[in-house]
Amino acid sequence: REIYFTPQSRFVAEFIGAANIIESPIE
């Protein structure tokens, strides 16, 4: 559950399951 919902890197996020990766400013 931790690996899936709270990945600590972009690699883990994309390797575990499907993921939308967004690069964006925050305002």
Full PDB file with SEQRES, HELIX, SHEET, SSBOND, CRYST1, ORIGX, SCALE, CONECT and MASTER records, all heavy atoms in Angstrom:
SEQRES   1 A   27  ARG GLU ILE TYR PHE THR PRO GLN SER ARG PHE VAL ALA          
SEQRES   2 A   27  GLU PHE ILE GLY ALA ALA ASN ILE ILE GLU SER PRO ILE          
SEQRES   3 A   27  GLU                                                          
HELIX    1 AA1 GLU A    2  PHE A    5  1                                   4    
HELIX    2 AA2 ARG A   10  PHE A   15  1                                   6    
CRYST1    1.000    1.000    1.000  90.00  90.00  90.00 P 1           1          
ORIGX1      1.000000  0.000000  0.000000        0.00000                         
ORIGX2      0.000000  1.000000  0.000000        0.00000                         
ORIGX3      0.000000  0.000000  1.000000        0.00000                         
SCALE1      1.000000  0.000000  0.000000        0.00000                         
SCALE2      0.000000  1.000000  0.000000        0.00000                         
SCALE3      0.000000  0.000000  1.000000        0.00000                         
ATOM      1  N   ARG A   1       0.831  -1.218   0.000  1.00  0.00           N  
ATOM      2  CA  ARG A   1       0.000   0.000   0.000  1.00  0.00           C  
ATOM      3  C   ARG A   1       0.858   1.258   0.000  1.00  0.00           C  
ATOM      4  O   ARG A   1       0.567   2.227  -0.719  1.00  0.00           O  
ATOM      5  CB  ARG A   1      -0.941  -0.025   1.210  1.00  0.00           C  
ATOM      6  CG  ARG A   1      -1.887   1.157   1.295  1.00  0.00           C  
ATOM      7  CD  ARG A   1      -2.932   0.935   2.371  1.00  0.00           C  
ATOM      8  NE  ARG A   1      -3.882  -0.084   1.950  1.00  0.00           N  
ATOM      9  CZ  ARG A   1      -4.960   0.176   1.218  1.00  0.00           C  
ATOM     10  NH1 ARG A   1      -5.228   1.400   0.830  1.00  0.00           N  
ATOM     11  NH2 ARG A   1      -5.767  -0.799   0.871  1.00  0.00           N  
ATOM     12  N   GLU A   2       1.920   1.266   0.809  1.00  0.00           N  
ATOM     13  CA  GLU A   2       2.810   2.437   0.856  1.00  0.00           C  
ATOM     14  C   GLU A   2       3.501   2.662  -0.482  1.00  0.00           C  
ATOM     15  O   GLU A   2       3.609   3.796  -0.962  1.00  0.00           O  
ATOM     16  CB  GLU A   2       3.852   2.254   1.956  1.00  0.00           C  
ATOM     17  CG  GLU A   2       3.295   2.370   3.363  1.00  0.00           C  
ATOM     18  CD  GLU A   2       4.258   1.870   4.425  1.00  0.00           C  
ATOM     19  OE1 GLU A   2       5.261   1.202   4.087  1.00  0.00           O  
ATOM     20  OE2 GLU A   2       3.995   2.137   5.625  1.00  0.00           O  
ATOM     21  N   ILE A   3       3.986   1.561  -1.076  1.00  0.00           N  
ATOM     22  CA  ILE A   3       4.680   1.668  -2.355  1.00  0.00           C  
ATOM     23  C   ILE A   3       3.748   2.216  -3.432  1.00  0.00           C  
ATOM     24  O   ILE A   3       4.140   3.038  -4.263  1.00  0.00           O  
ATOM     25  CB  ILE A   3       5.229   0.279  -2.780  1.00  0.00           C  
ATOM     26  CG1 ILE A   3       6.322  -0.204  -1.823  1.00  0.00           C  
ATOM     27  CG2 ILE A   3       5.729   0.303  -4.209  1.00  0.00           C  
ATOM     28  CD1 ILE A   3       7.615   0.549  -1.906  1.00  0.00           C  
ATOM     29  N   TYR A   4       2.508   1.765  -3.410  1.00  0.00           N  
ATOM     30  CA  TYR A   4       1.557   2.159  -4.454  1.00  0.00           C  
ATOM     31  C   TYR A   4       1.064   3.597  -4.281  1.00  0.00           C  
ATOM     32  O   TYR A   4       1.065   4.382  -5.228  1.00  0.00           O  
ATOM     33  CB  TYR A   4       0.363   1.200  -4.461  1.00  0.00           C  
ATOM     34  CG  TYR A   4      -0.600   1.440  -5.600  1.00  0.00           C  
ATOM     35  CD1 TYR A   4      -0.335   0.939  -6.879  1.00  0.00           C  
ATOM     36  CD2 TYR A   4      -1.763   2.183  -5.418  1.00  0.00           C  
ATOM     37  CE1 TYR A   4      -1.205   1.169  -7.931  1.00  0.00           C  
ATOM     38  CE2 TYR A   4      -2.643   2.421  -6.467  1.00  0.00           C  
ATOM     39  CZ  TYR A   4      -2.350   1.911  -7.715  1.00  0.00           C  
ATOM     40  OH  TYR A   4      -3.209   2.151  -8.760  1.00  0.00           O  
ATOM     41  N   PHE A   5       0.631   3.945  -3.063  1.00  0.00           N  
ATOM     42  CA  PHE A   5      -0.003   5.243  -2.858  1.00  0.00           C  
ATOM     43  C   PHE A   5       0.975   6.360  -2.506  1.00  0.00           C  
ATOM     44  O   PHE A   5       0.671   7.529  -2.738  1.00  0.00           O  
ATOM     45  CB  PHE A   5      -1.083   5.141  -1.773  1.00  0.00           C  
ATOM     46  CG  PHE A   5      -2.330   4.446  -2.243  1.00  0.00           C  
ATOM     47  CD1 PHE A   5      -2.674   3.196  -1.753  1.00  0.00           C  
ATOM     48  CD2 PHE A   5      -3.162   5.026  -3.187  1.00  0.00           C  
ATOM     49  CE1 PHE A   5      -3.811   2.540  -2.186  1.00  0.00           C  
ATOM     50  CE2 PHE A   5      -4.309   4.379  -3.632  1.00  0.00           C  
ATOM     51  CZ  PHE A   5      -4.633   3.137  -3.120  1.00  0.00           C  
ATOM     52  N   THR A   6       2.132   6.013  -1.930  1.00  0.00           N  
ATOM     53  CA  THR A   6       3.080   7.062  -1.542  1.00  0.00           C  
ATOM     54  C   THR A   6       4.483   6.772  -2.074  1.00  0.00           C  
ATOM     55  O   THR A   6       5.435   6.633  -1.303  1.00  0.00           O  
ATOM     56  CB  THR A   6       3.116   7.245  -0.003  1.00  0.00           C  
ATOM     57  OG1 THR A   6       3.439   5.986   0.611  1.00  0.00           O  
ATOM     58  CG2 THR A   6       1.794   7.744   0.520  1.00  0.00           C  
ATOM     59  N   PRO A   7       4.618   6.653  -3.404  1.00  0.00           N  
ATOM     60  CA  PRO A   7       5.957   6.436  -3.965  1.00  0.00           C  
ATOM     61  C   PRO A   7       6.864   7.611  -3.632  1.00  0.00           C  
ATOM     62  O   PRO A   7       6.424   8.764  -3.586  1.00  0.00           O  
ATOM     63  CB  PRO A   7       5.690   6.328  -5.468  1.00  0.00           C  
ATOM     64  CG  PRO A   7       4.420   7.082  -5.690  1.00  0.00           C  
ATOM     65  CD  PRO A   7       3.596   6.846  -4.458  1.00  0.00           C  
ATOM     66  N   GLN A   8       8.135   7.312  -3.426  1.00  0.00           N  
ATOM     67  CA  GLN A   8       9.081   8.351  -3.037  1.00  0.00           C  
ATOM     68  C   GLN A   8       9.895   8.878  -4.207  1.00  0.00           C  
ATOM     69  O   GLN A   8      10.762   9.732  -4.027  1.00  0.00           O  
ATOM     70  CB  GLN A   8      10.019   7.803  -1.947  1.00  0.00           C  
ATOM     71  CG  GLN A   8       9.294   7.501  -0.642  1.00  0.00           C  
ATOM     72  CD  GLN A   8      10.174   6.804   0.372  1.00  0.00           C  
ATOM     73  OE1 GLN A   8      11.332   6.494   0.112  1.00  0.00           O  
ATOM     74  NE2 GLN A   8       9.618   6.544   1.548  1.00  0.00           N  
ATOM     75  N   SER A   9       9.639   8.366  -5.405  1.00  0.00           N  
ATOM     76  CA  SER A   9      10.350   8.844  -6.583  1.00  0.00           C  
ATOM     77  C   SER A   9       9.485   8.647  -7.811  1.00  0.00           C  
ATOM     78  O   SER A   9       8.526   7.872  -7.811  1.00  0.00           O  
ATOM     79  CB  SER A   9      11.677   8.098  -6.763  1.00  0.00           C  
ATOM     80  OG  SER A   9      11.439   6.753  -7.157  1.00  0.00           O  
ATOM     81  N   ARG A  10       9.845   9.345  -8.848  1.00  0.00           N  
ATOM     82  CA  ARG A  10       9.138   9.202 -10.116  1.00  0.00           C  
ATOM     83  C   ARG A  10       9.288   7.784 -10.666  1.00  0.00           C  
ATOM     84  O   ARG A  10       8.337   7.226 -11.231  1.00  0.00           O  
ATOM     85  CB  ARG A  10       9.683  10.229 -11.112  1.00  0.00           C  
ATOM     86  CG  ARG A  10       8.972  10.248 -12.441  1.00  0.00           C  
ATOM     87  CD  ARG A  10       9.406  11.454 -13.245  1.00  0.00           C  
ATOM     88  NE  ARG A  10       8.723  11.525 -14.523  1.00  0.00           N  
ATOM     89  CZ  ARG A  10       8.678  12.621 -15.263  1.00  0.00           C  
ATOM     90  NH1 ARG A  10       9.266  13.728 -14.857  1.00  0.00           N  
ATOM     91  NH2 ARG A  10       8.025  12.618 -16.413  1.00  0.00           N  
ATOM     92  N   PHE A  11      10.468   7.197 -10.505  1.00  0.00           N  
ATOM     93  CA  PHE A  11      10.679   5.830 -10.988  1.00  0.00           C  
ATOM     94  C   PHE A  11       9.692   4.869 -10.333  1.00  0.00           C  
ATOM     95  O   PHE A  11       9.045   4.060 -11.010  1.00  0.00           O  
ATOM     96  CB  PHE A  11      12.109   5.381 -10.697  1.00  0.00           C  
ATOM     97  CG  PHE A  11      12.325   3.906 -10.929  1.00  0.00           C  
ATOM     98  CD1 PHE A  11      12.483   3.400 -12.210  1.00  0.00           C  
ATOM     99  CD2 PHE A  11      12.326   3.012  -9.860  1.00  0.00           C  
ATOM    100  CE1 PHE A  11      12.646   2.035 -12.432  1.00  0.00           C  
ATOM    101  CE2 PHE A  11      12.496   1.647 -10.064  1.00  0.00           C  
ATOM    102  CZ  PHE A  11      12.652   1.162 -11.356  1.00  0.00           C  
ATOM    103  N   VAL A  12       9.557   4.920  -9.010  1.00  0.00           N  
ATOM    104  CA  VAL A  12       8.650   4.014  -8.297  1.00  0.00           C  
ATOM    105  C   VAL A  12       7.214   4.271  -8.725  1.00  0.00           C  
ATOM    106  O   VAL A  12       6.439   3.340  -8.967  1.00  0.00           O  
ATOM    107  CB  VAL A  12       8.821   4.149  -6.774  1.00  0.00           C  
ATOM    108  CG1 VAL A  12       7.780   3.305  -6.033  1.00  0.00           C  
ATOM    109  CG2 VAL A  12      10.229   3.735  -6.351  1.00  0.00           C  
ATOM    110  N   ALA A  13       6.835   5.535  -8.845  1.00  0.00           N  
ATOM    111  CA  ALA A  13       5.468   5.879  -9.243  1.00  0.00           C  
ATOM    112  C   ALA A  13       5.111   5.274 -10.596  1.00  0.00           C  
ATOM    113  O   ALA A  13       4.016   4.745 -10.789  1.00  0.00           O  
ATOM    114  CB  ALA A  13       5.310   7.390  -9.290  1.00  0.00           C  
ATOM    115  N   GLU A  14       6.041   5.332 -11.548  1.00  0.00           N  
ATOM    116  CA  GLU A  14       5.758   4.844 -12.894  1.00  0.00           C  
ATOM    117  C   GLU A  14       5.925   3.340 -13.021  1.00  0.00           C  
ATOM    118  O   GLU A  14       5.269   2.708 -13.849  1.00  0.00           O  
ATOM    119  CB  GLU A  14       6.668   5.555 -13.898  1.00  0.00           C  
ATOM    120  CG  GLU A  14       6.347   7.042 -14.017  1.00  0.00           C  
ATOM    121  CD  GLU A  14       7.163   7.746 -15.082  1.00  0.00           C  
ATOM    122  OE1 GLU A  14       8.403   7.693 -15.013  1.00  0.00           O  
ATOM    123  OE2 GLU A  14       6.551   8.363 -15.969  1.00  0.00           O  
ATOM    124  N   PHE A  15       6.784   2.741 -12.183  1.00  0.00           N  
ATOM    125  CA  PHE A  15       7.003   1.297 -12.265  1.00  0.00           C  
ATOM    126  C   PHE A  15       5.862   0.517 -11.621  1.00  0.00           C  
ATOM    127  O   PHE A  15       5.523  -0.581 -12.061  1.00  0.00           O  
ATOM    128  CB  PHE A  15       8.329   0.929 -11.593  1.00  0.00           C  
ATOM    129  CG  PHE A  15       8.723  -0.505 -11.810  1.00  0.00           C  
ATOM    130  CD1 PHE A  15       9.203  -0.927 -13.044  1.00  0.00           C  
ATOM    131  CD2 PHE A  15       8.593  -1.446 -10.805  1.00  0.00           C  
ATOM    132  CE1 PHE A  15       9.548  -2.259 -13.264  1.00  0.00           C  
ATOM    133  CE2 PHE A  15       8.941  -2.777 -11.003  1.00  0.00           C  
ATOM    134  CZ  PHE A  15       9.416  -3.179 -12.246  1.00  0.00           C  
ATOM    135  N   ILE A  16       5.262   1.070 -10.572  1.00  0.00           N  
ATOM    136  CA  ILE A  16       4.191   0.382  -9.837  1.00  0.00           C  
ATOM    137  C   ILE A  16       2.845   0.894 -10.319  1.00  0.00           C  
ATOM    138  O   ILE A  16       2.407   1.982  -9.959  1.00  0.00           O  
ATOM    139  CB  ILE A  16       4.324   0.610  -8.321  1.00  0.00           C  
ATOM    140  CG1 ILE A  16       5.697   0.210  -7.810  1.00  0.00           C  
ATOM    141  CG2 ILE A  16       3.226  -0.133  -7.559  1.00  0.00           C  
ATOM    142  CD1 ILE A  16       6.010  -1.252  -7.914  1.00  0.00           C  
ATOM    143  N   GLY A  17       2.171   0.117 -11.136  1.00  0.00           N  
ATOM    144  CA  GLY A  17       0.837   0.485 -11.574  1.00  0.00           C  
ATOM    145  C   GLY A  17       0.849   1.610 -12.593  1.00  0.00           C  
ATOM    146  O   GLY A  17       1.894   2.146 -12.965  1.00  0.00           O  
ATOM    147  N   ALA A  18      -0.354   1.985 -13.043  1.00  0.00           N  
ATOM    148  CA  ALA A  18      -0.495   3.101 -13.974  1.00  0.00           C  
ATOM    149  C   ALA A  18      -0.454   4.408 -13.195  1.00  0.00           C  
ATOM    150  O   ALA A  18      -0.952   4.490 -12.071  1.00  0.00           O  
ATOM    151  CB  ALA A  18      -1.807   2.978 -14.744  1.00  0.00           C  
ATOM    152  N   ALA A  19       0.155   5.430 -13.785  1.00  0.00           N  
ATOM    153  CA  ALA A  19       0.275   6.710 -13.092  1.00  0.00           C  
ATOM    154  C   ALA A  19       0.265   7.844 -14.104  1.00  0.00           C  
ATOM    155  O   ALA A  19       0.880   7.752 -15.167  1.00  0.00           O  
ATOM    156  CB  ALA A  19       1.555   6.756 -12.265  1.00  0.00           C  
ATOM    157  N   ASN A  20      -0.450   8.910 -13.763  1.00  0.00           N  
ATOM    158  CA  ASN A  20      -0.353  10.159 -14.517  1.00  0.00           C  
ATOM    159  C   ASN A  20       0.721  11.014 -13.867  1.00  0.00           C  
ATOM    160  O   ASN A  20       0.618  11.360 -12.688  1.00  0.00           O  
ATOM    161  CB  ASN A  20      -1.691  10.905 -14.490  1.00  0.00           C  
ATOM    162  CG  ASN A  20      -2.789  10.156 -15.224  1.00  0.00           C  
ATOM    163  OD1 ASN A  20      -2.708   9.953 -16.432  1.00  0.00           O  
ATOM    164  ND2 ASN A  20      -3.813   9.730 -14.499  1.00  0.00           N  
ATOM    165  N   ILE A  21       1.784  11.300 -14.602  1.00  0.00           N  
ATOM    166  CA  ILE A  21       2.868  12.139 -14.099  1.00  0.00           C  
ATOM    167  C   ILE A  21       2.710  13.529 -14.717  1.00  0.00           C  
ATOM    168  O   ILE A  21       2.645  13.679 -15.944  1.00  0.00           O  
ATOM    169  CB  ILE A  21       4.243  11.545 -14.447  1.00  0.00           C  
ATOM    170  CG1 ILE A  21       4.366  10.122 -13.895  1.00  0.00           C  
ATOM    171  CG2 ILE A  21       5.358  12.439 -13.910  1.00  0.00           C  
ATOM    172  CD1 ILE A  21       4.308  10.005 -12.396  1.00  0.00           C  
ATOM    173  N   ILE A  22       2.644  14.528 -13.847  1.00  0.00           N  
ATOM    174  CA  ILE A  22       2.367  15.895 -14.275  1.00  0.00           C  
ATOM    175  C   ILE A  22       3.514  16.796 -13.844  1.00  0.00           C  
ATOM    176  O   ILE A  22       3.957  16.733 -12.690  1.00  0.00           O  
ATOM    177  CB  ILE A  22       1.053  16.406 -13.627  1.00  0.00           C  
ATOM    178  CG1 ILE A  22      -0.130  15.539 -14.072  1.00  0.00           C  
ATOM    179  CG2 ILE A  22       0.808  17.871 -13.961  1.00  0.00           C  
ATOM    180  CD1 ILE A  22      -1.376  15.786 -13.247  1.00  0.00           C  
ATOM    181  N   GLU A  23       3.975  17.624 -14.752  1.00  0.00           N  
ATOM    182  CA  GLU A  23       4.923  18.690 -14.414  1.00  0.00           C  
ATOM    183  C   GLU A  23       4.184  20.012 -14.550  1.00  0.00           C  
ATOM    184  O   GLU A  23       3.651  20.327 -15.610  1.00  0.00           O  
ATOM    185  CB  GLU A  23       6.135  18.632 -15.335  1.00  0.00           C  
ATOM    186  CG  GLU A  23       6.939  17.347 -15.174  1.00  0.00           C  
ATOM    187  CD  GLU A  23       8.133  17.284 -16.113  1.00  0.00           C  
ATOM    188  OE1 GLU A  23       8.508  18.332 -16.661  1.00  0.00           O  
ATOM    189  OE2 GLU A  23       8.689  16.181 -16.287  1.00  0.00           O  
ATOM    190  N   SER A  24       4.147  20.774 -13.444  1.00  0.00           N  
ATOM    191  CA  SER A  24       3.288  21.949 -13.424  1.00  0.00           C  
ATOM    192  C   SER A  24       3.772  22.943 -12.377  1.00  0.00           C  
ATOM    193  O   SER A  24       4.350  22.546 -11.359  1.00  0.00           O  
ATOM    194  CB  SER A  24       1.846  21.518 -13.105  1.00  0.00           C  
ATOM    195  OG  SER A  24       1.047  22.605 -12.706  1.00  0.00           O  
ATOM    196  N   PRO A  25       3.511  24.230 -12.570  1.00  0.00           N  
ATOM    197  CA  PRO A  25       3.701  25.174 -11.467  1.00  0.00           C  
ATOM    198  C   PRO A  25       2.569  25.041 -10.453  1.00  0.00           C  
ATOM    199  O   PRO A  25       1.487  24.532 -10.771  1.00  0.00           O  
ATOM    200  CB  PRO A  25       3.661  26.534 -12.163  1.00  0.00           C  
ATOM    201  CG  PRO A  25       2.865  26.306 -13.406  1.00  0.00           C  
ATOM    202  CD  PRO A  25       3.114  24.889 -13.820  1.00  0.00           C  
ATOM    203  N   ILE A  26       2.835  25.458  -9.230  1.00  0.00           N  
ATOM    204  CA  ILE A  26       1.797  25.533  -8.200  1.00  0.00           C  
ATOM    205  C   ILE A  26       1.595  27.003  -7.835  1.00  0.00           C  
ATOM    206  O   ILE A  26       2.552  27.713  -7.525  1.00  0.00           O  
ATOM    207  CB  ILE A  26       2.178  24.727  -6.950  1.00  0.00           C  
ATOM    208  CG1 ILE A  26       2.178  23.225  -7.254  1.00  0.00           C  
ATOM    209  CG2 ILE A  26       1.220  25.019  -5.797  1.00  0.00           C  
ATOM    210  CD1 ILE A  26       2.557  22.361  -6.073  1.00  0.00           C  
ATOM    211  N   GLU A  27       0.342  27.433  -7.874  1.00  0.00           N  
ATOM    212  CA  GLU A  27      -0.020  28.790  -7.462  1.00  0.00           C  
ATOM    213  C   GLU A  27      -1.093  28.718  -6.394  1.00  0.00           C  
ATOM    214  O   GLU A  27      -2.175  28.179  -6.630  1.00  0.00           O  
ATOM    215  CB  GLU A  27      -0.533  29.598  -8.666  1.00  0.00           C  
ATOM    216  CG  GLU A  27       0.512  29.882  -9.719  1.00  0.00           C  
ATOM    217  CD  GLU A  27      -0.049  30.676 -10.896  1.00  0.00           C  
ATOM    218  OE1 GLU A  27      -1.255  31.024 -10.857  1.00  0.00           O  
ATOM    219  OE2 GLU A  27       0.703  30.946 -11.843  1.00  0.00           O  
TER     220      GLU A  27                                                      
MASTER        0    0    0    2    0    0    0    6  219    1    0    3          
END                                                                             
